Amino acid sequence: MTVPALARSATEWRAFLTGCLVSIAVTTWWLWPALGRGQLLYRDFVQVPDPALGPATLGLTGSAPRAVPLDAVTALLAPVVPTGVQQQVLLVASLLAGGCGVAFLVRRHGAAAAGTAAAVASWSAYAAERLLVGQPPTLLGVAMVPWLLAAARTSSSCSRRVLLVVLAALPAALTPFGGLLAVVVVLLAARTGRDRAVLAVVGVCWCLPFVVAAVLGSTGAGDGTGAAAFAVRAAGVAGVLDVLTGAGIWSTAATPASRADPSALLAGSLLLAGAVICLAPRLPRWQERDGRQVRGLLALAALGPRS
């Protein structure tokens, strides 16, 4: 490796490290009151000391398999890793993985860009609302997206890319939302048609736990009123901007009071405008090289993390 290449590599790793340190600081600042306090019992984020592995944990009792295979993994690990510790790991990883992942993707643009990207990824309205509704496992699925992109686009052999994708997909696949999101991301980002075919098969495999539970379980037909109950809230111009900047959860109890402050709307608007200004000049080049993937990833970024 030449001296300029070594210098460039060292600069990129310093930028990545900067982003990771920023993400660690933000994660610690947000979560320290919840750390080291045994089992957490908060809305959807509830765990017991001694979970039993049975039909309920496998999603075969008639209810929707929302926490498949998460409940089963928790029960299997409980004799070795206490469930309270597992919750702490999930909670921290739901923020830290996303911040560090985004920093890794933008490391070539310097420490300032990596640090800013990590802060925005870790400290966002979307993350706040998911934490407030008690869904760190869902947030973890979103946090693994940068790592999935990096794995699917790495310039190595097909087998190595698939292995890296699987490693990045496993934390996401703890929930149905995360598993399906991982499949969509890697299929859109795949480098070649061969990669896409292999990853489609592998993606079906990591989705099997909740797909089998949905097929074999006795869950009834969905209630149409559920879509209205859990729809994104976007009333008026302020509501639309709120959604475009990552917020808009259905639960008013999980909406930070600060979102009603004009400064939050202004900050979100400036962030959105900055993203558009930075991306717009690069889109023609990306479109020429990877047109379909770019369109798909932009659509995913706009519409994807809403479950």
Protein backbone atom coordinates (compact mmCIF):
# COMPACT_ATOMS: atom_id res chain seq x y z
CA MET A 1 0.00 0.00 0.00
CA THR A 2 1.36 3.42 -0.94
CA VAL A 3 1.99 6.21 1.56
CA PRO A 4 -0.98 8.33 0.34
CA ALA A 5 -3.23 5.28 0.62
CA LEU A 6 -2.01 4.60 4.15
CA ALA A 7 -2.59 8.23 5.12
CA ARG A 8 -6.06 8.16 3.61
CA SER A 9 -6.86 4.93 5.48
CA ALA A 10 -5.62 6.40 8.78
CA THR A 11 -7.72 9.52 8.23
CA GLU A 12 -10.82 7.45 7.52
CA TRP A 13 -10.34 5.35 10.64
CA ARG A 14 -9.87 8.49 12.75
CA ALA A 15 -13.12 9.83 11.32
CA PHE A 16 -14.89 6.55 12.09
CA LEU A 17 -13.51 6.57 15.65
CA THR A 18 -14.70 10.16 16.08
CA GLY A 19 -18.20 9.16 15.00
CA CYS A 20 -18.18 6.19 17.38
CA LEU A 21 -17.12 8.39 20.31
CA VAL A 22 -19.90 10.86 19.51
CA SER A 23 -22.42 8.02 19.35
CA ILE A 24 -21.17 6.61 22.66
CA ALA A 25 -21.53 10.03 24.29
CA VAL A 26 -25.07 10.54 22.96
CA THR A 27 -26.12 7.00 23.88
CA THR A 28 -24.77 7.36 27.41
CA TRP A 29 -26.41 10.74 27.86
CA TRP A 30 -29.80 9.41 26.74
CA LEU A 31 -29.82 6.04 28.46
CA TRP A 32 -27.83 6.31 31.69
CA PRO A 33 -30.96 6.51 33.93
CA ALA A 34 -32.10 3.11 32.59
CA LEU A 35 -28.76 1.31 32.80
CA GLY A 36 -27.82 -1.16 35.53
CA ARG A 37 -31.25 -1.44 37.12
CA GLY A 38 -32.36 -5.06 36.53
CA GLN A 39 -35.38 -5.94 34.41
CA LEU A 40 -37.01 -3.02 32.63
CA LEU A 41 -40.82 -2.87 32.65
CA TYR A 42 -41.69 -0.08 30.25
CA ARG A 43 -44.58 -0.28 27.80
CA ASP A 44 -43.61 -2.79 25.07
CA PHE A 45 -40.14 -3.33 26.59
CA VAL A 46 -40.96 -5.84 29.34
CA GLN A 47 -38.97 -8.87 30.47
CA VAL A 48 -39.18 -11.42 33.29
CA PRO A 49 -36.22 -12.98 35.17
CA ASP A 50 -36.89 -16.58 34.07
CA PRO A 51 -38.61 -16.75 30.67
CA ALA A 52 -39.89 -20.17 29.60
CA LEU A 53 -39.29 -21.53 26.11
CA GLY A 54 -42.62 -22.75 24.75
CA PRO A 55 -45.36 -22.16 22.18
CA ALA A 56 -45.79 -18.54 23.28
CA THR A 57 -42.11 -17.69 22.75
CA LEU A 58 -42.25 -19.40 19.34
CA GLY A 59 -45.30 -17.39 18.28
CA LEU A 60 -47.63 -20.38 18.00
CA THR A 61 -50.34 -19.41 20.48
CA GLY A 62 -52.63 -17.47 18.16
CA SER A 63 -51.30 -13.97 18.63
CA ALA A 64 -49.35 -12.11 15.98
CA PRO A 65 -45.63 -13.12 16.05
CA ARG A 66 -44.43 -9.62 16.98
CA ALA A 67 -41.51 -10.78 19.13
CA VAL A 68 -40.43 -13.84 17.15
CA PRO A 69 -37.69 -14.97 17.38
CA LEU A 70 -36.67 -12.38 20.02
CA ASP A 71 -38.60 -14.09 22.84
CA ALA A 72 -37.12 -17.48 21.97
CA VAL A 73 -33.57 -16.09 21.79
CA THR A 74 -34.09 -14.36 25.14
CA ALA A 75 -35.30 -17.59 26.74
CA LEU A 76 -32.41 -19.62 25.31
CA LEU A 77 -29.81 -17.11 26.52
CA ALA A 78 -31.38 -16.51 29.95
CA PRO A 79 -29.47 -19.31 31.78
CA VAL A 80 -26.18 -17.72 30.67
CA VAL A 81 -27.03 -14.03 30.22
CA PRO A 82 -29.65 -12.62 32.64
CA THR A 83 -32.65 -11.12 30.89
CA GLY A 84 -31.97 -7.76 32.52
CA VAL A 85 -28.51 -7.70 30.94
CA GLN A 86 -29.99 -8.69 27.59
CA GLN A 87 -32.34 -5.71 27.81
CA GLN A 88 -29.44 -3.38 28.59
CA VAL A 89 -27.54 -4.68 25.54
CA LEU A 90 -30.58 -4.24 23.28
CA LEU A 91 -31.18 -0.75 24.62
CA VAL A 92 -27.60 0.44 24.08
CA ALA A 93 -27.20 -1.32 20.72
CA SER A 94 -30.41 0.26 19.37
CA LEU A 95 -28.67 3.65 19.41
CA LEU A 96 -24.98 2.85 19.28
CA ALA A 97 -25.13 0.51 16.27
CA GLY A 98 -26.87 3.12 14.14
CA GLY A 99 -24.52 5.96 15.06
CA CYS A 100 -21.37 3.91 14.52
CA GLY A 101 -22.76 2.42 11.31
CA VAL A 102 -23.51 5.80 9.76
CA ALA A 103 -20.07 7.06 10.83
CA PHE A 104 -18.52 4.07 9.05
CA LEU A 105 -20.41 4.86 5.84
CA VAL A 106 -19.33 8.54 5.74
CA ARG A 107 -15.80 8.14 7.14
CA ARG A 108 -14.26 9.19 3.82
CA HIS A 109 -15.71 12.67 4.28
CA GLY A 110 -13.75 13.40 7.45
CA ALA A 111 -14.18 13.48 11.20
CA ALA A 112 -16.64 16.39 11.23
CA ALA A 113 -18.99 14.64 8.82
CA ALA A 114 -18.71 11.31 10.67
CA GLY A 115 -19.32 12.94 14.05
CA THR A 116 -22.30 14.91 12.80
CA ALA A 117 -23.81 11.88 11.06
CA ALA A 118 -23.36 9.75 14.18
CA ALA A 119 -25.03 12.38 16.37
CA VAL A 120 -28.01 12.70 14.00
CA ALA A 121 -28.40 8.93 13.72
CA SER A 122 -28.24 8.36 17.49
CA TRP A 123 -30.10 11.47 18.61
CA SER A 124 -33.23 11.67 16.48
CA ALA A 125 -36.97 12.08 16.88
CA TYR A 126 -37.47 8.58 15.47
CA ALA A 127 -35.14 7.06 18.06
CA ALA A 128 -36.76 9.03 20.89
CA GLU A 129 -40.28 7.96 19.95
CA ARG A 130 -39.32 4.29 19.57
CA LEU A 131 -37.62 4.32 22.95
CA LEU A 132 -40.60 6.06 24.55
CA VAL A 133 -43.02 3.48 23.16
CA GLY A 134 -40.73 0.69 24.41
CA GLN A 135 -39.44 -0.69 21.11
CA PRO A 136 -35.62 -0.88 21.23
CA PRO A 137 -35.67 -4.19 19.25
CA THR A 138 -37.52 -2.42 16.40
CA LEU A 139 -35.07 0.47 16.59
CA LEU A 140 -32.21 -2.04 16.44
CA GLY A 141 -33.49 -3.21 13.05
CA VAL A 142 -33.20 0.34 11.71
CA ALA A 143 -29.81 0.80 13.38
CA MET A 144 -28.38 -2.16 11.42
CA VAL A 145 -29.25 -0.60 8.03
CA PRO A 146 -25.87 1.17 7.59
CA TRP A 147 -24.02 -2.06 8.39
CA LEU A 148 -26.19 -3.98 5.94
CA LEU A 149 -25.42 -1.42 3.24
CA ALA A 150 -21.70 -1.59 3.97
CA ALA A 151 -21.73 -5.40 3.94
CA ALA A 152 -23.73 -5.67 0.71
CA ARG A 153 -21.49 -3.16 -1.09
CA THR A 154 -18.07 -4.30 0.14
CA SER A 155 -15.54 -5.01 -2.60
CA SER A 156 -14.74 -8.60 -1.73
CA SER A 157 -15.83 -12.03 -2.89
CA CYS A 158 -19.50 -12.97 -3.09
CA SER A 159 -19.17 -15.50 -0.28
CA ARG A 160 -17.54 -12.94 2.01
CA ARG A 161 -20.22 -10.37 1.21
CA VAL A 162 -22.95 -12.87 2.04
CA LEU A 163 -21.26 -13.78 5.33
CA LEU A 164 -20.96 -10.11 6.32
CA VAL A 165 -24.59 -9.48 5.36
CA VAL A 166 -25.77 -12.40 7.50
CA LEU A 167 -23.78 -11.14 10.50
CA ALA A 168 -25.31 -7.68 10.08
CA ALA A 169 -28.80 -9.08 9.51
CA LEU A 170 -29.02 -11.33 12.57
CA PRO A 171 -29.55 -8.50 15.12
CA ALA A 172 -32.15 -6.93 12.83
CA ALA A 173 -33.95 -10.24 12.31
CA LEU A 174 -34.81 -10.52 16.02
CA THR A 175 -38.15 -8.93 15.03
CA PRO A 176 -40.31 -9.34 11.90
CA PHE A 177 -39.97 -5.65 11.03
CA GLY A 178 -36.19 -5.76 11.30
CA GLY A 179 -35.91 -9.00 9.34
CA LEU A 180 -38.04 -7.75 6.45
CA LEU A 181 -36.26 -4.38 6.47
CA ALA A 182 -32.92 -6.19 6.23
CA VAL A 183 -34.11 -8.21 3.22
CA VAL A 184 -35.28 -5.10 1.37
CA VAL A 185 -32.07 -3.19 2.11
CA VAL A 186 -29.67 -5.90 0.96
CA LEU A 187 -31.66 -6.70 -2.19
CA LEU A 188 -31.62 -3.03 -3.16
CA ALA A 189 -27.94 -2.60 -2.32
CA ALA A 190 -26.60 -5.86 -3.80
CA ARG A 191 -23.66 -5.36 -6.14
CA THR A 192 -24.56 -8.00 -8.73
CA GLY A 193 -27.47 -10.11 -9.86
CA ARG A 194 -25.78 -13.18 -8.42
CA ASP A 195 -25.47 -11.46 -5.04
CA ARG A 196 -29.13 -10.52 -5.20
CA ALA A 197 -30.23 -14.10 -5.91
CA VAL A 198 -28.10 -15.54 -3.10
CA LEU A 199 -29.18 -12.87 -0.62
CA ALA A 200 -32.85 -13.43 -1.49
CA VAL A 201 -32.50 -17.09 -0.47
CA VAL A 202 -30.50 -16.24 2.66
CA GLY A 203 -33.00 -13.51 3.54
CA VAL A 204 -35.87 -15.98 3.40
CA CYS A 205 -33.92 -18.15 5.87
CA TRP A 206 -33.49 -15.43 8.48
CA CYS A 207 -37.19 -14.56 8.11
CA LEU A 208 -38.34 -18.19 8.57
CA PRO A 209 -38.90 -18.04 12.36
CA PHE A 210 -41.67 -15.45 12.12
CA VAL A 211 -42.93 -16.59 8.71
CA VAL A 212 -43.44 -20.14 10.02
CA ALA A 213 -45.06 -18.76 13.19
CA ALA A 214 -47.45 -16.67 11.10
CA VAL A 215 -48.36 -19.64 8.88
CA LEU A 216 -48.70 -22.29 11.60
CA GLY A 217 -50.21 -20.06 14.26
CA SER A 218 -53.93 -19.49 14.59
CA THR A 219 -53.86 -15.74 14.21
CA GLY A 220 -57.09 -14.42 12.74
CA ALA A 221 -57.46 -11.92 9.92
CA GLY A 222 -56.21 -8.43 10.60
CA ASP A 223 -58.56 -5.74 11.80
CA GLY A 224 -58.81 -2.90 9.32
CA THR A 225 -59.13 -0.35 12.12
CA GLY A 226 -55.59 -1.18 13.15
CA ALA A 227 -54.17 0.72 10.19
CA ALA A 228 -55.95 3.86 11.30
CA ALA A 229 -54.98 3.38 14.94
CA PHE A 230 -51.29 2.99 14.15
CA ALA A 231 -51.05 5.42 11.23
CA VAL A 232 -48.39 8.11 11.18
CA ARG A 233 -49.73 11.44 12.41
CA ALA A 234 -49.12 14.28 9.94
CA ALA A 235 -51.62 17.08 10.48
CA GLY A 236 -50.85 20.25 8.56
CA VAL A 237 -47.53 21.54 7.25
CA ALA A 238 -45.88 21.12 10.66
CA GLY A 239 -47.04 17.51 10.80
CA VAL A 240 -45.68 16.73 7.33
CA LEU A 241 -42.30 18.24 8.21
CA ASP A 242 -42.38 16.28 11.46
CA VAL A 243 -42.82 13.03 9.51
CA LEU A 244 -40.15 13.93 6.94
CA THR A 245 -37.66 14.50 9.75
CA GLY A 246 -38.34 11.11 11.29
CA ALA A 247 -41.12 11.67 13.82
CA GLY A 248 -44.90 11.22 13.77
CA ILE A 249 -45.57 8.12 15.90
CA TRP A 250 -49.19 7.09 16.55
CA SER A 251 -48.88 7.30 20.36
CA THR A 252 -49.19 10.80 21.77
CA ALA A 253 -47.69 9.49 25.03
CA ALA A 254 -44.52 8.57 23.11
CA THR A 255 -44.20 11.97 21.44
CA PRO A 256 -41.58 14.19 23.11
CA ALA A 257 -43.05 17.48 24.30
CA SER A 258 -40.16 19.26 22.58
CA ARG A 259 -41.60 18.30 19.18
CA ALA A 260 -44.27 20.96 19.67
CA ASP A 261 -41.62 23.65 20.08
CA PRO A 262 -41.01 25.82 16.98
CA SER A 263 -37.25 25.36 17.43
CA ALA A 264 -37.63 21.60 16.87
CA LEU A 265 -39.51 22.22 13.62
CA LEU A 266 -36.88 24.73 12.51
CA ALA A 267 -33.99 22.39 13.36
CA GLY A 268 -35.65 19.51 11.54
CA SER A 269 -36.34 21.66 8.49
CA LEU A 270 -32.71 22.84 8.37
CA LEU A 271 -31.50 19.25 8.68
CA LEU A 272 -33.79 18.12 5.87
CA ALA A 273 -32.73 21.04 3.66
CA GLY A 274 -29.07 20.31 4.36
CA ALA A 275 -29.52 16.66 3.39
CA VAL A 276 -31.21 17.62 0.11
CA ILE A 277 -28.52 20.20 -0.72
CA CYS A 278 -25.73 17.70 -0.04
CA LEU A 279 -27.35 14.81 -1.91
CA ALA A 280 -28.71 16.63 -4.95
CA PRO A 281 -25.35 17.18 -6.75
CA ARG A 282 -24.41 13.52 -6.28
CA LEU A 283 -27.66 11.98 -7.44
CA PRO A 284 -26.95 12.18 -11.22
CA ARG A 285 -23.67 10.29 -10.78
CA TRP A 286 -25.26 7.68 -8.51
CA GLN A 287 -28.22 7.39 -10.87
CA GLU A 288 -25.92 6.71 -13.82
CA ARG A 289 -23.97 4.05 -11.92
CA ASP A 290 -26.64 2.36 -9.77
CA GLY A 291 -29.95 3.82 -10.86
CA ARG A 292 -32.35 1.19 -9.58
CA GLN A 293 -30.62 0.78 -6.25
CA VAL A 294 -30.49 4.54 -5.67
CA ARG A 295 -34.20 4.97 -6.38
CA GLY A 296 -35.06 2.05 -4.13
CA LEU A 297 -32.89 3.22 -1.24
CA LEU A 298 -34.27 6.76 -1.46
CA ALA A 299 -37.80 5.35 -1.31
CA LEU A 300 -36.80 3.18 1.63
CA ALA A 301 -35.28 6.16 3.42
CA ALA A 302 -38.47 8.15 2.96
CA LEU A 303 -41.01 5.44 3.71
CA GLY A 304 -39.27 2.51 5.34
CA PRO A 305 -38.80 3.01 9.12
CA ARG A 306 -42.46 3.62 9.92
CA SER A 307 -43.54 0.35 11.55
